[in-house]
Amino acid sequence: FLMKDMEKATHRLCKAIRDSDTVVVYGDYDVD
């Protein structure tokens, strides 16, 4: 929570978990 916007990000993920949202994880094609 020392990271900027972590409060907002975790709040939105917790809401997604509570509401059974449909989520898309958008990544990149390298190892990372």
PDB file of all heavy atoms in Angstrom:
ATOM      1  N   PHE A   1       0.811  -1.223   0.000  1.00  0.00           N
ATOM      2  CA  PHE A   1       0.000   0.000   0.000  1.00  0.00           C
ATOM      3  C   PHE A   1       0.846   1.276   0.000  1.00  0.00           C
ATOM      4  O   PHE A   1       0.307   2.376  -0.018  1.00  0.00           O
ATOM      5  CB  PHE A   1      -0.975  -0.022   1.178  1.00  0.00           C
ATOM      6  CG  PHE A   1      -2.085  -1.019   0.973  1.00  0.00           C
ATOM      7  CD1 PHE A   1      -1.997  -2.284   1.511  1.00  0.00           C
ATOM      8  CD2 PHE A   1      -3.186  -0.710   0.192  1.00  0.00           C
ATOM      9  CE1 PHE A   1      -3.001  -3.227   1.306  1.00  0.00           C
ATOM     10  CE2 PHE A   1      -4.195  -1.632  -0.025  1.00  0.00           C
ATOM     11  CZ  PHE A   1      -4.105  -2.899   0.524  1.00  0.00           C
ATOM     12  N   LEU A   2       2.170   1.106  -0.029  1.00  0.00           N
ATOM     13  CA  LEU A   2       3.045   2.257  -0.235  1.00  0.00           C
ATOM     14  C   LEU A   2       3.061   2.679  -1.700  1.00  0.00           C
ATOM     15  O   LEU A   2       3.523   3.762  -2.042  1.00  0.00           O
ATOM     16  CB  LEU A   2       4.477   1.927   0.220  1.00  0.00           C
ATOM     17  CG  LEU A   2       4.671   1.677   1.723  1.00  0.00           C
ATOM     18  CD1 LEU A   2       6.096   1.223   2.007  1.00  0.00           C
ATOM     19  CD2 LEU A   2       4.336   2.929   2.528  1.00  0.00           C
ATOM     20  N   MET A   3       2.554   1.797  -2.578  1.00  0.00           N
ATOM     21  CA  MET A   3       2.542   2.090  -4.004  1.00  0.00           C
ATOM     22  C   MET A   3       1.335   2.953  -4.359  1.00  0.00           C
ATOM     23  O   MET A   3       0.218   2.691  -3.916  1.00  0.00           O
ATOM     24  CB  MET A   3       2.526   0.786  -4.813  1.00  0.00           C
ATOM     25  CG  MET A   3       2.819   0.973  -6.299  1.00  0.00           C
ATOM     26  SD  MET A   3       2.928  -0.588  -7.214  1.00  0.00           S
ATOM     27  CE  MET A   3       4.408  -1.302  -6.505  1.00  0.00           C
ATOM     28  N   LYS A   4       1.575   3.973  -5.155  1.00  0.00           N
ATOM     29  CA  LYS A   4       0.515   4.878  -5.600  1.00  0.00           C
ATOM     30  C   LYS A   4      -0.609   4.089  -6.268  1.00  0.00           C
ATOM     31  O   LYS A   4      -0.379   3.210  -7.088  1.00  0.00           O
ATOM     32  CB  LYS A   4       1.111   5.888  -6.591  1.00  0.00           C
ATOM     33  CG  LYS A   4       0.128   6.871  -7.199  1.00  0.00           C
ATOM     34  CD  LYS A   4      -0.306   7.929  -6.216  1.00  0.00           C
ATOM     35  CE  LYS A   4      -1.180   8.983  -6.885  1.00  0.00           C
ATOM     36  NZ  LYS A   4      -1.669   9.994  -5.918  1.00  0.00           N
ATOM     37  N   ASP A   5      -1.847   4.390  -5.887  1.00  0.00           N
ATOM     38  CA  ASP A   5      -3.080   3.797  -6.439  1.00  0.00           C
ATOM     39  C   ASP A   5      -3.350   2.370  -5.977  1.00  0.00           C
ATOM     40  O   ASP A   5      -4.298   1.744  -6.458  1.00  0.00           O
ATOM     41  CB  ASP A   5      -3.077   3.823  -7.978  1.00  0.00           C
ATOM     42  CG  ASP A   5      -3.548   5.158  -8.543  1.00  0.00           C
ATOM     43  OD1 ASP A   5      -3.773   6.092  -7.749  1.00  0.00           O
ATOM     44  OD2 ASP A   5      -3.697   5.269  -9.777  1.00  0.00           O
ATOM     45  N   MET A   6      -2.539   1.831  -5.066  1.00  0.00           N
ATOM     46  CA  MET A   6      -2.786   0.453  -4.616  1.00  0.00           C
ATOM     47  C   MET A   6      -4.133   0.338  -3.900  1.00  0.00           C
ATOM     48  O   MET A   6      -4.841  -0.676  -4.044  1.00  0.00           O
ATOM     49  CB  MET A   6      -1.647  -0.024  -3.704  1.00  0.00           C
ATOM     50  CG  MET A   6      -1.788  -1.489  -3.260  1.00  0.00           C
ATOM     51  SD  MET A   6      -1.782  -2.675  -4.631  1.00  0.00           S
ATOM     52  CE  MET A   6      -0.049  -2.680  -5.082  1.00  0.00           C
ATOM     53  N   GLU A   7      -4.494   1.359  -3.155  1.00  0.00           N
ATOM     54  CA  GLU A   7      -5.785   1.342  -2.462  1.00  0.00           C
ATOM     55  C   GLU A   7      -6.921   1.215  -3.481  1.00  0.00           C
ATOM     56  O   GLU A   7      -7.849   0.406  -3.312  1.00  0.00           O
ATOM     57  CB  GLU A   7      -5.947   2.614  -1.626  1.00  0.00           C
ATOM     58  CG  GLU A   7      -7.190   2.647  -0.754  1.00  0.00           C
ATOM     59  CD  GLU A   7      -7.165   1.619   0.371  1.00  0.00           C
ATOM     60  OE1 GLU A   7      -6.101   1.433   0.989  1.00  0.00           O
ATOM     61  OE2 GLU A   7      -8.222   0.979   0.618  1.00  0.00           O
ATOM     62  N   LYS A   8      -6.856   2.010  -4.540  1.00  0.00           N
ATOM     63  CA  LYS A   8      -7.895   1.962  -5.576  1.00  0.00           C
ATOM     64  C   LYS A   8      -7.899   0.613  -6.308  1.00  0.00           C
ATOM     65  O   LYS A   8      -8.959   0.045  -6.592  1.00  0.00           O
ATOM     66  CB  LYS A   8      -7.665   3.081  -6.601  1.00  0.00           C
ATOM     67  CG  LYS A   8      -7.785   4.489  -6.055  1.00  0.00           C
ATOM     68  CD  LYS A   8      -7.436   5.498  -7.151  1.00  0.00           C
ATOM     69  CE  LYS A   8      -7.453   6.923  -6.633  1.00  0.00           C
ATOM     70  NZ  LYS A   8      -7.035   7.887  -7.685  1.00  0.00           N
ATOM     71  N   ALA A   9      -6.701   0.108  -6.615  1.00  0.00           N
ATOM     72  CA  ALA A   9      -6.600  -1.145  -7.367  1.00  0.00           C
ATOM     73  C   ALA A   9      -7.148  -2.323  -6.572  1.00  0.00           C
ATOM     74  O   ALA A   9      -7.917  -3.147  -7.093  1.00  0.00           O
ATOM     75  CB  ALA A   9      -5.145  -1.401  -7.760  1.00  0.00           C
ATOM     76  N   THR A  10      -6.782  -2.400  -5.292  1.00  0.00           N
ATOM     77  CA  THR A  10      -7.243  -3.530  -4.473  1.00  0.00           C
ATOM     78  C   THR A  10      -8.743  -3.432  -4.187  1.00  0.00           C
ATOM     79  O   THR A  10      -9.437  -4.441  -4.124  1.00  0.00           O
ATOM     80  CB  THR A  10      -6.458  -3.603  -3.157  1.00  0.00           C
ATOM     81  OG1 THR A  10      -6.547  -2.338  -2.473  1.00  0.00           O
ATOM     82  CG2 THR A  10      -4.993  -3.918  -3.406  1.00  0.00           C
ATOM     83  N   HIS A  11      -9.229  -2.200  -4.033  1.00  0.00           N
ATOM     84  CA  HIS A  11     -10.671  -2.013  -3.836  1.00  0.00           C
ATOM     85  C   HIS A  11     -11.436  -2.544  -5.045  1.00  0.00           C
ATOM     86  O   HIS A  11     -12.462  -3.224  -4.897  1.00  0.00           O
ATOM     87  CB  HIS A  11     -10.976  -0.527  -3.623  1.00  0.00           C
ATOM     88  CG  HIS A  11     -12.442  -0.227  -3.499  1.00  0.00           C
ATOM     89  ND1 HIS A  11     -13.148  -0.420  -2.322  1.00  0.00           N
ATOM     90  CD2 HIS A  11     -13.346   0.246  -4.411  1.00  0.00           C
ATOM     91  CE1 HIS A  11     -14.416  -0.097  -2.522  1.00  0.00           C
ATOM     92  NE2 HIS A  11     -14.565   0.315  -3.778  1.00  0.00           N
ATOM     93  N   ARG A  12     -10.915  -2.264  -6.249  1.00  0.00           N
ATOM     94  CA  ARG A  12     -11.616  -2.715  -7.455  1.00  0.00           C
ATOM     95  C   ARG A  12     -11.535  -4.231  -7.617  1.00  0.00           C
ATOM     96  O   ARG A  12     -12.507  -4.878  -8.041  1.00  0.00           O
ATOM     97  CB  ARG A  12     -11.023  -2.030  -8.701  1.00  0.00           C
ATOM     98  CG  ARG A  12     -11.773  -2.385 -10.000  1.00  0.00           C
ATOM     99  CD  ARG A  12     -13.228  -1.953  -9.933  1.00  0.00           C
ATOM    100  NE  ARG A  12     -14.040  -2.392 -11.069  1.00  0.00           N
ATOM    101  CZ  ARG A  12     -14.698  -3.547 -11.137  1.00  0.00           C
ATOM    102  NH1 ARG A  12     -14.625  -4.423 -10.122  1.00  0.00           N
ATOM    103  NH2 ARG A  12     -15.424  -3.847 -12.188  1.00  0.00           N
ATOM    104  N   LEU A  13     -10.408  -4.838  -7.257  1.00  0.00           N
ATOM    105  CA  LEU A  13     -10.313  -6.300  -7.342  1.00  0.00           C
ATOM    106  C   LEU A  13     -11.199  -6.980  -6.309  1.00  0.00           C
ATOM    107  O   LEU A  13     -11.826  -8.016  -6.596  1.00  0.00           O
ATOM    108  CB  LEU A  13      -8.855  -6.756  -7.179  1.00  0.00           C
ATOM    109  CG  LEU A  13      -8.195  -7.186  -8.504  1.00  0.00           C
ATOM    110  CD1 LEU A  13      -8.061  -6.000  -9.438  1.00  0.00           C
ATOM    111  CD2 LEU A  13      -6.843  -7.828  -8.269  1.00  0.00           C
ATOM    112  N   CYS A  14     -11.271  -6.416  -5.118  1.00  0.00           N
ATOM    113  CA  CYS A  14     -12.159  -6.982  -4.089  1.00  0.00           C
ATOM    114  C   CYS A  14     -13.613  -6.896  -4.541  1.00  0.00           C
ATOM    115  O   CYS A  14     -14.402  -7.839  -4.314  1.00  0.00           O
ATOM    116  CB  CYS A  14     -11.967  -6.246  -2.763  1.00  0.00           C
ATOM    117  SG  CYS A  14     -10.393  -6.595  -1.950  1.00  0.00           S
ATOM    118  N   LYS A  15     -13.981  -5.794  -5.171  1.00  0.00           N
ATOM    119  CA  LYS A  15     -15.342  -5.653  -5.704  1.00  0.00           C
ATOM    120  C   LYS A  15     -15.599  -6.713  -6.775  1.00  0.00           C
ATOM    121  O   LYS A  15     -16.684  -7.318  -6.819  1.00  0.00           O
ATOM    122  CB  LYS A  15     -15.527  -4.248  -6.280  1.00  0.00           C
ATOM    123  CG  LYS A  15     -16.928  -3.978  -6.852  1.00  0.00           C
ATOM    124  CD  LYS A  15     -17.034  -2.565  -7.402  1.00  0.00           C
ATOM    125  CE  LYS A  15     -18.454  -2.261  -7.877  1.00  0.00           C
ATOM    126  NZ  LYS A  15     -18.919  -3.160  -8.957  1.00  0.00           N
ATOM    127  N   ALA A  16     -14.611  -6.930  -7.646  1.00  0.00           N
ATOM    128  CA  ALA A  16     -14.762  -7.946  -8.697  1.00  0.00           C
ATOM    129  C   ALA A  16     -14.978  -9.328  -8.091  1.00  0.00           C
ATOM    130  O   ALA A  16     -15.800 -10.114  -8.581  1.00  0.00           O
ATOM    131  CB  ALA A  16     -13.518  -7.947  -9.587  1.00  0.00           C
ATOM    132  N   ILE A  17     -14.263  -9.616  -7.017  1.00  0.00           N
ATOM    133  CA  ILE A  17     -14.395 -10.918  -6.358  1.00  0.00           C
ATOM    134  C   ILE A  17     -15.769 -11.046  -5.695  1.00  0.00           C
ATOM    135  O   ILE A  17     -16.445 -12.076  -5.810  1.00  0.00           O
ATOM    136  CB  ILE A  17     -13.252 -11.102  -5.328  1.00  0.00           C
ATOM    137  CG1 ILE A  17     -11.910 -11.254  -6.066  1.00  0.00           C
ATOM    138  CG2 ILE A  17     -13.514 -12.305  -4.432  1.00  0.00           C
ATOM    139  CD1 ILE A  17     -10.696 -11.142  -5.174  1.00  0.00           C
ATOM    140  N   ARG A  18     -16.215  -9.976  -5.026  1.00  0.00           N
ATOM    141  CA  ARG A  18     -17.526 -10.004  -4.364  1.00  0.00           C
ATOM    142  C   ARG A  18     -18.666 -10.111  -5.372  1.00  0.00           C
ATOM    143  O   ARG A  18     -19.643 -10.830  -5.154  1.00  0.00           O
ATOM    144  CB  ARG A  18     -17.722  -8.743  -3.517  1.00  0.00           C
ATOM    145  CG  ARG A  18     -16.951  -8.732  -2.214  1.00  0.00           C
ATOM    146  CD  ARG A  18     -17.483  -7.636  -1.292  1.00  0.00           C
ATOM    147  NE  ARG A  18     -17.514  -6.329  -1.958  1.00  0.00           N
ATOM    148  CZ  ARG A  18     -16.512  -5.464  -1.938  1.00  0.00           C
ATOM    149  NH1 ARG A  18     -15.393  -5.765  -1.299  1.00  0.00           N
ATOM    150  NH2 ARG A  18     -16.616  -4.291  -2.548  1.00  0.00           N
ATOM    151  N   ASP A  19     -18.540  -9.401  -6.508  1.00  0.00           N
ATOM    152  CA  ASP A  19     -19.630  -9.326  -7.478  1.00  0.00           C
ATOM    153  C   ASP A  19     -19.536 -10.379  -8.576  1.00  0.00           C
ATOM    154  O   ASP A  19     -20.362 -10.398  -9.493  1.00  0.00           O
ATOM    155  CB  ASP A  19     -19.643  -7.935  -8.134  1.00  0.00           C
ATOM    156  CG  ASP A  19     -19.921  -6.824  -7.135  1.00  0.00           C
ATOM    157  OD1 ASP A  19     -20.310  -7.141  -5.993  1.00  0.00           O
ATOM    158  OD2 ASP A  19     -19.721  -5.635  -7.488  1.00  0.00           O
ATOM    159  N   SER A  20     -18.506 -11.248  -8.505  1.00  0.00           N
ATOM    160  CA  SER A  20     -18.288 -12.276  -9.540  1.00  0.00           C
ATOM    161  C   SER A  20     -18.216 -11.661 -10.940  1.00  0.00           C
ATOM    162  O   SER A  20     -18.877 -12.102 -11.883  1.00  0.00           O
ATOM    163  CB  SER A  20     -19.391 -13.346  -9.487  1.00  0.00           C
ATOM    164  OG  SER A  20     -19.363 -14.019  -8.256  1.00  0.00           O
ATOM    165  N   ASP A  21     -17.418 -10.617 -11.049  1.00  0.00           N
ATOM    166  CA  ASP A  21     -17.244  -9.929 -12.333  1.00  0.00           C
ATOM    167  C   ASP A  21     -16.566 -10.835 -13.365  1.00  0.00           C
ATOM    168  O   ASP A  21     -15.862 -11.797 -13.013  1.00  0.00           O
ATOM    169  CB  ASP A  21     -16.372  -8.684 -12.158  1.00  0.00           C
ATOM    170  CG  ASP A  21     -17.136  -7.517 -11.556  1.00  0.00           C
ATOM    171  OD1 ASP A  21     -18.366  -7.597 -11.459  1.00  0.00           O
ATOM    172  OD2 ASP A  21     -16.474  -6.518 -11.177  1.00  0.00           O
ATOM    173  N   THR A  22     -16.751 -10.482 -14.620  1.00  0.00           N
ATOM    174  CA  THR A  22     -15.979 -11.088 -15.705  1.00  0.00           C
ATOM    175  C   THR A  22     -14.743 -10.224 -15.921  1.00  0.00           C
ATOM    176  O   THR A  22     -14.854  -9.007 -16.097  1.00  0.00           O
ATOM    177  CB  THR A  22     -16.804 -11.165 -17.002  1.00  0.00           C
ATOM    178  OG1 THR A  22     -17.919 -12.036 -16.787  1.00  0.00           O
ATOM    179  CG2 THR A  22     -15.967 -11.704 -18.150  1.00  0.00           C
ATOM    180  N   VAL A  23     -13.573 -10.857 -15.886  1.00  0.00           N
ATOM    181  CA  VAL A  23     -12.311 -10.104 -15.929  1.00  0.00           C
ATOM    182  C   VAL A  23     -11.442 -10.605 -17.080  1.00  0.00           C
ATOM    183  O   VAL A  23     -11.337 -11.809 -17.318  1.00  0.00           O
ATOM    184  CB  VAL A  23     -11.522 -10.253 -14.604  1.00  0.00           C
ATOM    185  CG1 VAL A  23     -10.256  -9.400 -14.639  1.00  0.00           C
ATOM    186  CG2 VAL A  23     -12.394  -9.879 -13.410  1.00  0.00           C
ATOM    187  N   VAL A  24     -10.820  -9.658 -17.782  1.00  0.00           N
ATOM    188  CA  VAL A  24      -9.815  -9.988 -18.793  1.00  0.00           C
ATOM    189  C   VAL A  24      -8.456  -9.539 -18.268  1.00  0.00           C
ATOM    190  O   VAL A  24      -8.288  -8.381 -17.871  1.00  0.00           O
ATOM    191  CB  VAL A  24     -10.109  -9.300 -20.141  1.00  0.00           C
ATOM    192  CG1 VAL A  24      -8.935  -9.487 -21.109  1.00  0.00           C
ATOM    193  CG2 VAL A  24     -11.381  -9.863 -20.767  1.00  0.00           C
ATOM    194  N   VAL A  25      -7.492 -10.469 -18.243  1.00  0.00           N
ATOM    195  CA  VAL A  25      -6.112 -10.134 -17.895  1.00  0.00           C
ATOM    196  C   VAL A  25      -5.375  -9.876 -19.203  1.00  0.00           C
ATOM    197  O   VAL A  25      -5.288 -10.758 -20.065  1.00  0.00           O
ATOM    198  CB  VAL A  25      -5.432 -11.262 -17.110  1.00  0.00           C
ATOM    199  CG1 VAL A  25      -4.009 -10.847 -16.718  1.00  0.00           C
ATOM    200  CG2 VAL A  25      -6.241 -11.619 -15.869  1.00  0.00           C
ATOM    201  N   TYR A  26      -4.877  -8.659 -19.368  1.00  0.00           N
ATOM    202  CA  TYR A  26      -4.238  -8.247 -20.621  1.00  0.00           C
ATOM    203  C   TYR A  26      -2.722  -8.207 -20.402  1.00  0.00           C
ATOM    204  O   TYR A  26      -2.235  -7.422 -19.606  1.00  0.00           O
ATOM    205  CB  TYR A  26      -4.743  -6.855 -21.031  1.00  0.00           C
ATOM    206  CG  TYR A  26      -4.474  -6.474 -22.464  1.00  0.00           C
ATOM    207  CD1 TYR A  26      -5.519  -6.217 -23.335  1.00  0.00           C
ATOM    208  CD2 TYR A  26      -3.173  -6.368 -22.949  1.00  0.00           C
ATOM    209  CE1 TYR A  26      -5.285  -5.856 -24.658  1.00  0.00           C
ATOM    210  CE2 TYR A  26      -2.921  -6.025 -24.260  1.00  0.00           C
ATOM    211  CZ  TYR A  26      -3.978  -5.769 -25.114  1.00  0.00           C
ATOM    212  OH  TYR A  26      -3.739  -5.431 -26.418  1.00  0.00           O
ATOM    213  N   GLY A  27      -2.010  -9.096 -21.100  1.00  0.00           N
ATOM    214  CA  GLY A  27      -0.575  -9.197 -20.862  1.00  0.00           C
ATOM    215  C   GLY A  27       0.290  -8.854 -22.051  1.00  0.00           C
ATOM    216  O   GLY A  27      -0.122  -8.158 -22.968  1.00  0.00           O
ATOM    217  N   ASP A  28       1.506  -9.366 -22.010  1.00  0.00           N
ATOM    218  CA  ASP A  28       2.484  -9.145 -23.073  1.00  0.00           C
ATOM    219  C   ASP A  28       3.059 -10.500 -23.468  1.00  0.00           C
ATOM    220  O   ASP A  28       2.916 -11.485 -22.748  1.00  0.00           O
ATOM    221  CB  ASP A  28       3.584  -8.196 -22.573  1.00  0.00           C
ATOM    222  CG  ASP A  28       4.598  -7.856 -23.650  1.00  0.00           C
ATOM    223  OD1 ASP A  28       4.206  -7.809 -24.826  1.00  0.00           O
ATOM    224  OD2 ASP A  28       5.782  -7.652 -23.320  1.00  0.00           O
ATOM    225  N   TYR A  29       3.759 -10.539 -24.606  1.00  0.00           N
ATOM    226  CA  TYR A  29       4.185 -11.822 -25.165  1.00  0.00           C
ATOM    227  C   TYR A  29       5.564 -12.282 -24.700  1.00  0.00           C
ATOM    228  O   TYR A  29       6.029 -13.334 -25.114  1.00  0.00           O
ATOM    229  CB  TYR A  29       4.154 -11.774 -26.700  1.00  0.00           C
ATOM    230  CG  TYR A  29       4.627 -10.475 -27.304  1.00  0.00           C
ATOM    231  CD1 TYR A  29       5.963 -10.100 -27.259  1.00  0.00           C
ATOM    232  CD2 TYR A  29       3.722  -9.611 -27.919  1.00  0.00           C
ATOM    233  CE1 TYR A  29       6.384  -8.916 -27.805  1.00  0.00           C
ATOM    234  CE2 TYR A  29       4.150  -8.415 -28.483  1.00  0.00           C
ATOM    235  CZ  TYR A  29       5.479  -8.064 -28.425  1.00  0.00           C
ATOM    236  OH  TYR A  29       5.902  -6.878 -28.961  1.00  0.00           O
ATOM    237  N   ASP A  30       6.251 -11.503 -23.866  1.00  0.00           N
ATOM    238  CA  ASP A  30       7.561 -11.964 -23.394  1.00  0.00           C
ATOM    239  C   ASP A  30       7.402 -12.732 -22.081  1.00  0.00           C
ATOM    240  O   ASP A  30       6.290 -12.975 -21.608  1.00  0.00           O
ATOM    241  CB  ASP A  30       8.533 -10.792 -23.255  1.00  0.00           C
ATOM    242  CG  ASP A  30       8.144  -9.815 -22.146  1.00  0.00           C
ATOM    243  OD1 ASP A  30       7.113 -10.033 -21.474  1.00  0.00           O
ATOM    244  OD2 ASP A  30       8.874  -8.817 -21.944  1.00  0.00           O
ATOM    245  N   VAL A  31       8.526 -13.149 -21.479  1.00  0.00           N
ATOM    246  CA  VAL A  31       8.465 -13.972 -20.267  1.00  0.00           C
ATOM    247  C   VAL A  31       7.802 -13.220 -19.124  1.00  0.00           C
ATOM    248  O   VAL A  31       6.949 -13.760 -18.416  1.00  0.00           O
ATOM    249  CB  VAL A  31       9.873 -14.445 -19.852  1.00  0.00           C
ATOM    250  CG1 VAL A  31       9.790 -15.308 -18.585  1.00  0.00           C
ATOM    251  CG2 VAL A  31      10.533 -15.241 -20.967  1.00  0.00           C
ATOM    252  N   ASP A  32       8.187 -11.967 -18.938  1.00  0.00           N
ATOM    253  CA  ASP A  32       7.599 -11.170 -17.862  1.00  0.00           C
ATOM    254  C   ASP A  32       6.092 -11.045 -18.051  1.00  0.00           C
ATOM    255  O   ASP A  32       5.302 -11.226 -17.120  1.00  0.00           O
ATOM    256  CB  ASP A  32       8.256  -9.789 -17.820  1.00  0.00           C
ATOM    257  CG  ASP A  32       7.909  -8.992 -16.563  1.00  0.00           C
ATOM    258  OD1 ASP A  32       7.386  -9.591 -15.604  1.00  0.00           O
ATOM    259  OD2 ASP A  32       8.162  -7.780 -16.560  1.00  0.00           O
TER     260      ASP A  32
END
